[in-house]
Amino acid sequence: MANEQNLKPFKKGNDPRRNVEGRPRKFVTTLAKQGYSKSEVIETINAMMSMTMDELKSIWDDKDSTVLEKTIANAIKRSIEKGSLYTIESLLNRVHGLPKQETQTDIRIVDKFDFD
């Protein structure tokens, strides 16, 4: 049983434990709000996923690079630094689609009077 002396009651109004902003927007949704079309995003992601780290760095450092290019380069760089594949996976899924998923089901037909 919980020690009631350690419990903190919920305060009405602003509480730092609550996430009032909701779930963060997905990467591609953010780019679409900036005015990029779906085909522009896909083409840029596809091209940049095959670049080396030096090429991505040169895009990030270039003042004439578009916001889309800088955003994707930064996302790839941060993903690699964190050791997380989430961003790269979402970028690849956007370009190539989700892999085919198969499920296996076992269907058993039971006679309505067979209770064994």
C-alpha atoms as a PDB file:
ATOM      1  CA  MET A   1       0.000   0.000   0.000  1.00  0.00           C
ATOM      2  CA  ALA A   2       1.223   3.533  -0.785  1.00  0.00           C
ATOM      3  CA  ASN A   3       2.563   5.754   1.949  1.00  0.00           C
ATOM      4  CA  GLU A   4       0.012   8.570   2.022  1.00  0.00           C
ATOM      5  CA  GLN A   5       2.536  11.031   3.418  1.00  0.00           C
ATOM      6  CA  ASN A   6       4.506  10.877   0.137  1.00  0.00           C
ATOM      7  CA  LEU A   7       1.521  11.464  -2.154  1.00  0.00           C
ATOM      8  CA  LYS A   8       1.160  14.839  -3.859  1.00  0.00           C
ATOM      9  CA  PRO A   9      -2.407  15.875  -4.604  1.00  0.00           C
ATOM     10  CA  PHE A  10      -3.266  16.993  -8.117  1.00  0.00           C
ATOM     11  CA  LYS A  11      -3.627  20.779  -8.280  1.00  0.00           C
ATOM     12  CA  LYS A  12      -6.263  22.323 -10.481  1.00  0.00           C
ATOM     13  CA  GLY A  13      -4.947  24.458 -13.344  1.00  0.00           C
ATOM     14  CA  ASN A  14      -1.348  24.480 -14.518  1.00  0.00           C
ATOM     15  CA  ASP A  15       0.549  21.367 -13.505  1.00  0.00           C
ATOM     16  CA  PRO A  16       4.083  20.705 -14.800  1.00  0.00           C
ATOM     17  CA  ARG A  17       3.390  16.960 -14.936  1.00  0.00           C
ATOM     18  CA  ARG A  18       0.783  17.417 -17.680  1.00  0.00           C
ATOM     19  CA  ASN A  19       1.579  17.729 -21.363  1.00  0.00           C
ATOM     20  CA  VAL A  20      -0.874  20.416 -22.468  1.00  0.00           C
ATOM     21  CA  GLU A  21       0.699  20.806 -25.919  1.00  0.00           C
ATOM     22  CA  GLY A  22      -0.102  17.232 -26.902  1.00  0.00           C
ATOM     23  CA  ARG A  23       1.986  14.838 -28.937  1.00  0.00           C
ATOM     24  CA  PRO A  24       4.768  16.442 -31.010  1.00  0.00           C
ATOM     25  CA  ARG A  25       4.028  16.695 -34.726  1.00  0.00           C
ATOM     26  CA  LYS A  26       5.658  14.251 -37.090  1.00  0.00           C
ATOM     27  CA  PHE A  27       8.650  15.437 -39.083  1.00  0.00           C
ATOM     28  CA  VAL A  28       6.980  15.439 -42.503  1.00  0.00           C
ATOM     29  CA  THR A  29       3.837  17.134 -41.182  1.00  0.00           C
ATOM     30  CA  THR A  30       6.013  19.995 -39.974  1.00  0.00           C
ATOM     31  CA  LEU A  31       7.578  20.357 -43.422  1.00  0.00           C
ATOM     32  CA  ALA A  32       4.171  20.345 -45.119  1.00  0.00           C
ATOM     33  CA  LYS A  33       3.097  23.237 -42.911  1.00  0.00           C
ATOM     34  CA  GLN A  34       6.137  25.174 -44.141  1.00  0.00           C
ATOM     35  CA  GLY A  35       4.753  24.983 -47.691  1.00  0.00           C
ATOM     36  CA  TYR A  36       6.619  22.060 -49.232  1.00  0.00           C
ATOM     37  CA  SER A  37       4.706  19.660 -51.456  1.00  0.00           C
ATOM     38  CA  LYS A  38       4.756  15.936 -50.781  1.00  0.00           C
ATOM     39  CA  SER A  39       6.794  15.231 -53.927  1.00  0.00           C
ATOM     40  CA  GLU A  40       9.421  17.848 -52.987  1.00  0.00           C
ATOM     41  CA  VAL A  41       9.810  16.319 -49.549  1.00  0.00           C
ATOM     42  CA  ILE A  42      10.080  12.779 -50.930  1.00  0.00           C
ATOM     43  CA  GLU A  43      12.644  13.719 -53.595  1.00  0.00           C
ATOM     44  CA  THR A  44      14.794  15.613 -51.099  1.00  0.00           C
ATOM     45  CA  ILE A  45      14.673  12.835 -48.501  1.00  0.00           C
ATOM     46  CA  ASN A  46      15.534  10.214 -51.114  1.00  0.00           C
ATOM     47  CA  ALA A  47      18.544  12.191 -52.335  1.00  0.00           C
ATOM     48  CA  MET A  48      19.840  13.089 -48.880  1.00  0.00           C
ATOM     49  CA  MET A  49      19.562   9.585 -47.424  1.00  0.00           C
ATOM     50  CA  SER A  50      22.325   8.479 -49.795  1.00  0.00           C
ATOM     51  CA  MET A  51      24.730  11.298 -48.837  1.00  0.00           C
ATOM     52  CA  THR A  52      27.793  11.024 -46.644  1.00  0.00           C
ATOM     53  CA  MET A  53      28.096  12.927 -43.374  1.00  0.00           C
ATOM     54  CA  ASP A  54      30.476  15.409 -45.020  1.00  0.00           C
ATOM     55  CA  GLU A  55      27.930  16.103 -47.768  1.00  0.00           C
ATOM     56  CA  LEU A  56      25.187  16.609 -45.178  1.00  0.00           C
ATOM     57  CA  LYS A  57      27.471  18.962 -43.237  1.00  0.00           C
ATOM     58  CA  SER A  58      28.187  20.996 -46.371  1.00  0.00           C
ATOM     59  CA  ILE A  59      24.435  21.359 -46.983  1.00  0.00           C
ATOM     60  CA  TRP A  60      23.910  22.467 -43.386  1.00  0.00           C
ATOM     61  CA  ASP A  61      26.769  25.002 -43.620  1.00  0.00           C
ATOM     62  CA  ASP A  62      25.674  26.378 -47.021  1.00  0.00           C
ATOM     63  CA  LYS A  63      23.702  29.600 -46.537  1.00  0.00           C
ATOM     64  CA  ASP A  64      21.876  29.035 -49.858  1.00  0.00           C
ATOM     65  CA  SER A  65      20.429  25.653 -48.824  1.00  0.00           C
ATOM     66  CA  THR A  66      16.664  25.517 -48.472  1.00  0.00           C
ATOM     67  CA  VAL A  67      14.961  25.070 -45.135  1.00  0.00           C
ATOM     68  CA  LEU A  68      13.833  21.621 -46.284  1.00  0.00           C
ATOM     69  CA  GLU A  69      17.410  20.524 -46.990  1.00  0.00           C
ATOM     70  CA  LYS A  70      18.703  21.956 -43.716  1.00  0.00           C
ATOM     71  CA  THR A  71      15.871  20.341 -41.740  1.00  0.00           C
ATOM     72  CA  ILE A  72      16.430  16.891 -43.223  1.00  0.00           C
ATOM     73  CA  ALA A  73      20.216  17.144 -42.845  1.00  0.00           C
ATOM     74  CA  ASN A  74      19.816  18.127 -39.197  1.00  0.00           C
ATOM     75  CA  ALA A  75      17.297  15.339 -38.533  1.00  0.00           C
ATOM     76  CA  ILE A  76      19.604  12.704 -40.023  1.00  0.00           C
ATOM     77  CA  LYS A  77      22.602  14.074 -38.096  1.00  0.00           C
ATOM     78  CA  ARG A  78      20.743  14.145 -34.767  1.00  0.00           C
ATOM     79  CA  SER A  79      19.400  10.639 -35.327  1.00  0.00           C
ATOM     80  CA  ILE A  80      22.887   9.291 -35.918  1.00  0.00           C
ATOM     81  CA  GLU A  81      24.296  11.145 -32.895  1.00  0.00           C
ATOM     82  CA  LYS A  82      21.565   9.754 -30.619  1.00  0.00           C
ATOM     83  CA  GLY A  83      22.028   6.261 -32.001  1.00  0.00           C
ATOM     84  CA  SER A  84      18.305   6.152 -32.719  1.00  0.00           C
ATOM     85  CA  LEU A  85      16.855   4.962 -35.991  1.00  0.00           C
ATOM     86  CA  TYR A  86      13.389   6.446 -35.413  1.00  0.00           C
ATOM     87  CA  THR A  87      13.890   9.515 -37.612  1.00  0.00           C
ATOM     88  CA  ILE A  88      15.674   7.604 -40.346  1.00  0.00           C
ATOM     89  CA  GLU A  89      12.981   4.921 -40.262  1.00  0.00           C
ATOM     90  CA  SER A  90      10.210   7.508 -40.584  1.00  0.00           C
ATOM     91  CA  LEU A  91      12.043   9.178 -43.484  1.00  0.00           C
ATOM     92  CA  LEU A  92      12.484   5.865 -45.290  1.00  0.00           C
ATOM     93  CA  ASN A  93       8.864   4.919 -44.649  1.00  0.00           C
ATOM     94  CA  ARG A  94       7.810   8.238 -46.172  1.00  0.00           C
ATOM     95  CA  VAL A  95       9.860   7.649 -49.313  1.00  0.00           C
ATOM     96  CA  HIS A  96       9.437   3.909 -49.861  1.00  0.00           C
ATOM     97  CA  GLY A  97       6.335   3.092 -47.800  1.00  0.00           C
ATOM     98  CA  LEU A  98       5.951   0.647 -44.969  1.00  0.00           C
ATOM     99  CA  PRO A  99       7.222  -2.878 -45.554  1.00  0.00           C
ATOM    100  CA  LYS A 100       4.595  -5.491 -46.260  1.00  0.00           C
ATOM    101  CA  GLN A 101       3.307  -6.950 -43.025  1.00  0.00           C
ATOM    102  CA  GLU A 102       1.961 -10.464 -42.907  1.00  0.00           C
ATOM    103  CA  THR A 103      -0.115 -12.057 -40.209  1.00  0.00           C
ATOM    104  CA  GLN A 104      -0.828 -15.700 -39.621  1.00  0.00           C
ATOM    105  CA  THR A 105      -4.223 -16.769 -38.392  1.00  0.00           C
ATOM    106  CA  ASP A 106      -5.512 -20.169 -37.408  1.00  0.00           C
ATOM    107  CA  ILE A 107      -9.192 -20.658 -38.068  1.00  0.00           C
ATOM    108  CA  ARG A 108     -10.862 -23.544 -36.360  1.00  0.00           C
ATOM    109  CA  ILE A 109     -14.381 -24.485 -37.385  1.00  0.00           C
ATOM    110  CA  VAL A 110     -16.309 -25.888 -34.479  1.00  0.00           C
ATOM    111  CA  ASP A 111     -19.515 -27.825 -34.837  1.00  0.00           C
ATOM    112  CA  LYS A 112     -22.224 -26.179 -32.744  1.00  0.00           C
ATOM    113  CA  PHE A 113     -22.815 -29.429 -30.807  1.00  0.00           C
ATOM    114  CA  ASP A 114     -19.174 -30.425 -30.474  1.00  0.00           C
ATOM    115  CA  PHE A 115     -18.025 -29.362 -26.994  1.00  0.00           C
ATOM    116  CA  ASP A 116     -14.912 -31.545 -26.728  1.00  0.00           C
END
